[in-house]
Amino acid sequence: MNKIKKDKILGSRRFSNYWWAAAIFIGGFSFFLIGIESYLDLYFNNSYFLHHQNIFFLPQGAVMTFYGMTGVLTGLFLWYTIVFDVGSGYNEFNQYTGIITIFRLGFPGKNRVLKLQYKISEVSSIKINIQEGLSPKREIYLKTKDRREIPLTKVGEPVSIDEIECQAKEIALFLKIKLEGTT
């Protein structure tokens, strides 16, 4: 029987993040170009790139430039998180050493790597938290004997209730601890 269980956690390199980063950056850049072109049109009375019609710098062009800069900066931030794969990592449950390792990558800097280690003997249970509604949450927590709850699931689209229950059950059976749930 295998005594090491390792679950990979997908970080920010998901298809939806690529889609939103590209869409926001391209949309923001387009707004910025039209805003700048309307500003240049004040002085040169000539449409250069995008051939806009009846967009004056004040107020439309100024607002479009502001929204464009906001979109470009937001898009660049999303690409930054994708390049550095923020949030990725793994959960390792090792029965040989009796250690549970939770590893995640963050933003570059001195605290880029988050590595938490707990002894299996310190863990009291695996907890499932399911909340339905507009923003549903389906999470698995590692609950320690001193009542701390450490999240084990990835952030993103919620998985099905059956799948989250199956994952939690596998971890609880592997660690030979109880499983508790809240809804």
Protein backbone atom coordinates (compact mmCIF):
# COMPACT_ATOMS: atom_id res chain seq x y z
CA MET A 1 0.00 0.00 0.00
CA ASN A 2 1.25 3.48 -0.88
CA LYS A 3 2.09 5.51 2.21
CA ILE A 4 2.50 8.87 0.46
CA LYS A 5 -0.45 10.80 -1.03
CA LYS A 6 0.32 13.95 -3.02
CA ASP A 7 -2.40 16.22 -4.45
CA LYS A 8 -1.33 18.84 -7.00
CA ILE A 9 -2.98 22.27 -6.71
CA LEU A 10 -3.53 24.26 -9.89
CA GLY A 11 -2.65 27.92 -9.43
CA SER A 12 -3.40 30.88 -11.64
CA ARG A 13 -2.52 29.07 -14.88
CA ARG A 14 -6.11 28.22 -15.71
CA PHE A 15 -7.82 28.78 -19.06
CA SER A 16 -10.23 31.32 -17.56
CA ASN A 17 -7.34 33.44 -16.26
CA TYR A 18 -5.65 33.45 -19.68
CA TRP A 19 -8.96 34.48 -21.26
CA TRP A 20 -9.64 37.33 -18.81
CA ALA A 21 -6.06 38.59 -18.85
CA ALA A 22 -6.08 38.81 -22.65
CA ALA A 23 -9.59 40.30 -22.92
CA ILE A 24 -9.00 42.95 -20.25
CA PHE A 25 -5.58 43.92 -21.63
CA ILE A 26 -6.78 44.20 -25.25
CA GLY A 27 -9.95 46.08 -24.26
CA GLY A 28 -8.02 48.45 -21.99
CA PHE A 29 -5.38 49.08 -24.64
CA SER A 30 -8.09 49.88 -27.21
CA PHE A 31 -9.76 52.35 -24.87
CA PHE A 32 -6.40 53.94 -24.11
CA LEU A 33 -5.57 54.34 -27.82
CA ILE A 34 -8.90 55.98 -28.60
CA GLY A 35 -8.51 58.33 -25.63
CA ILE A 36 -4.98 59.32 -26.68
CA GLU A 37 -6.07 59.73 -30.29
CA SER A 38 -8.90 62.05 -29.21
CA TYR A 39 -6.32 64.09 -27.28
CA LEU A 40 -4.02 64.31 -30.32
CA ASP A 41 -7.03 65.26 -32.46
CA LEU A 42 -7.35 68.44 -30.35
CA TYR A 43 -4.06 69.71 -31.73
CA PHE A 44 -3.68 68.12 -35.16
CA ASN A 45 -7.31 67.74 -36.37
CA ASN A 46 -6.46 64.43 -37.97
CA SER A 47 -7.55 60.92 -37.01
CA TYR A 48 -4.48 58.67 -37.02
CA PHE A 49 -5.11 55.06 -36.07
CA LEU A 50 -8.62 54.07 -35.18
CA HIS A 51 -10.70 56.56 -37.20
CA HIS A 52 -13.04 57.44 -34.37
CA GLN A 53 -15.91 59.78 -35.06
CA ASN A 54 -17.18 62.54 -32.78
CA ILE A 55 -15.22 61.55 -29.71
CA PHE A 56 -13.95 64.71 -28.05
CA PHE A 57 -11.15 64.58 -25.53
CA LEU A 58 -13.28 66.28 -22.87
CA PRO A 59 -15.11 64.41 -21.41
CA GLN A 60 -15.22 61.12 -23.42
CA GLY A 61 -11.54 60.90 -24.40
CA ALA A 62 -10.30 61.64 -20.88
CA VAL A 63 -12.61 59.01 -19.39
CA MET A 64 -11.59 56.46 -22.04
CA THR A 65 -7.92 57.15 -21.34
CA PHE A 66 -8.48 56.61 -17.61
CA TYR A 67 -10.45 53.38 -18.13
CA GLY A 68 -7.90 52.25 -20.69
CA MET A 69 -5.01 52.71 -18.26
CA THR A 70 -6.99 50.87 -15.59
CA GLY A 71 -7.68 48.00 -18.00
CA VAL A 72 -4.06 47.80 -19.15
CA LEU A 73 -2.75 47.76 -15.57
CA THR A 74 -5.31 45.15 -14.49
CA GLY A 75 -4.44 43.00 -17.52
CA LEU A 76 -0.72 43.29 -16.78
CA PHE A 77 -1.36 42.27 -13.16
CA LEU A 78 -3.30 39.19 -14.30
CA TRP A 79 -0.48 38.23 -16.68
CA TYR A 80 1.99 38.72 -13.81
CA THR A 81 0.07 36.23 -11.65
CA ILE A 82 -0.06 33.76 -14.56
CA VAL A 83 3.68 34.02 -15.31
CA PHE A 84 4.62 33.39 -11.66
CA ASP A 85 1.85 30.75 -11.24
CA VAL A 86 0.60 32.27 -8.01
CA GLY A 87 -1.39 29.82 -5.88
CA SER A 88 0.02 26.61 -7.31
CA GLY A 89 1.53 23.91 -5.16
CA TYR A 90 0.69 20.61 -3.56
CA ASN A 91 -0.60 18.87 -0.45
CA GLU A 92 1.52 15.92 0.64
CA PHE A 93 0.41 13.41 3.24
CA ASN A 94 3.37 11.22 4.23
CA GLN A 95 2.74 8.30 6.59
CA TYR A 96 6.44 7.29 6.60
CA THR A 97 7.53 10.53 8.25
CA GLY A 98 4.16 11.34 9.86
CA ILE A 99 4.21 14.81 8.27
CA ILE A 100 1.61 16.71 6.25
CA THR A 101 3.14 19.33 3.96
CA ILE A 102 1.11 22.14 2.41
CA PHE A 103 3.14 23.98 -0.24
CA ARG A 104 2.02 27.04 -2.23
CA LEU A 105 3.72 29.64 -4.43
CA GLY A 106 2.97 33.33 -3.93
CA PHE A 107 4.18 36.56 -5.47
CA PRO A 108 7.94 37.03 -5.93
CA GLY A 109 9.80 38.27 -2.91
CA LYS A 110 11.11 36.92 0.35
CA ASN A 111 7.75 35.28 1.17
CA ARG A 112 7.18 33.67 -2.26
CA VAL A 113 7.14 30.12 -0.90
CA LEU A 114 4.56 29.11 1.70
CA LYS A 115 5.42 25.75 3.20
CA LEU A 116 3.43 24.55 6.18
CA GLN A 117 4.19 21.25 7.90
CA TYR A 118 2.10 19.50 10.51
CA LYS A 119 2.44 16.18 12.24
CA ILE A 120 -0.36 13.75 11.48
CA SER A 121 -0.77 13.30 15.25
CA GLU A 122 -1.65 17.05 15.54
CA VAL A 123 -4.62 16.70 13.15
CA SER A 124 -8.02 16.02 14.67
CA SER A 125 -10.18 15.77 11.53
CA ILE A 126 -10.86 16.70 7.93
CA LYS A 127 -13.66 19.25 7.63
CA ILE A 128 -15.87 19.89 4.60
CA ASN A 129 -17.50 23.32 4.30
CA ILE A 130 -20.27 23.67 1.69
CA GLN A 131 -22.11 26.96 1.19
CA GLU A 132 -24.62 27.39 -1.62
CA GLY A 133 -25.86 30.69 -3.05
CA LEU A 134 -24.62 33.32 -5.49
CA SER A 135 -20.98 32.56 -4.76
CA PRO A 136 -20.94 28.92 -3.65
CA LYS A 137 -18.02 27.64 -1.59
CA ARG A 138 -16.96 24.02 -1.39
CA GLU A 139 -13.83 23.68 0.70
CA ILE A 140 -11.83 21.04 2.53
CA TYR A 141 -10.00 22.00 5.70
CA LEU A 142 -7.36 20.26 7.77
CA LYS A 143 -8.51 20.75 11.36
CA THR A 144 -5.82 20.59 14.03
CA LYS A 145 -6.24 19.70 17.69
CA ASP A 146 -5.69 23.35 18.67
CA ARG A 147 -8.74 24.24 16.51
CA ARG A 148 -6.94 25.79 13.54
CA GLU A 149 -8.46 25.16 10.13
CA ILE A 150 -6.01 25.06 7.22
CA PRO A 151 -7.59 25.09 3.71
CA LEU A 152 -6.55 22.25 1.42
CA THR A 153 -8.61 23.01 -1.69
CA LYS A 154 -7.71 25.24 -4.60
CA VAL A 155 -9.34 28.57 -5.31
CA GLY A 156 -11.43 28.73 -8.44
CA GLU A 157 -14.61 27.31 -9.86
CA PRO A 158 -16.39 25.18 -7.30
CA VAL A 159 -16.25 21.45 -7.92
CA SER A 160 -19.29 19.23 -7.54
CA ILE A 161 -20.45 18.23 -4.08
CA ASP A 162 -19.83 14.55 -4.86
CA GLU A 163 -16.26 15.26 -5.95
CA ILE A 164 -15.41 17.38 -2.89
CA GLU A 165 -16.90 14.73 -0.59
CA CYS A 166 -14.92 12.01 -2.36
CA GLN A 167 -11.65 13.99 -2.02
CA ALA A 168 -12.26 14.65 1.68
CA LYS A 169 -13.16 11.00 2.30
CA GLU A 170 -9.96 9.83 0.58
CA ILE A 171 -7.82 12.13 2.73
CA ALA A 172 -9.60 11.13 5.95
CA LEU A 173 -9.26 7.41 5.15
CA PHE A 174 -5.61 7.83 4.18
CA LEU A 175 -4.80 9.66 7.44
CA LYS A 176 -7.13 7.42 9.48
CA ILE A 177 -8.94 10.37 11.06
CA LYS A 178 -12.58 11.40 11.25
CA LEU A 179 -14.44 13.42 8.66
CA GLU A 180 -16.82 16.22 9.64
CA GLY A 181 -18.94 18.49 7.52
CA THR A 182 -20.91 21.72 7.60
CA THR A 183 -23.45 22.99 5.12
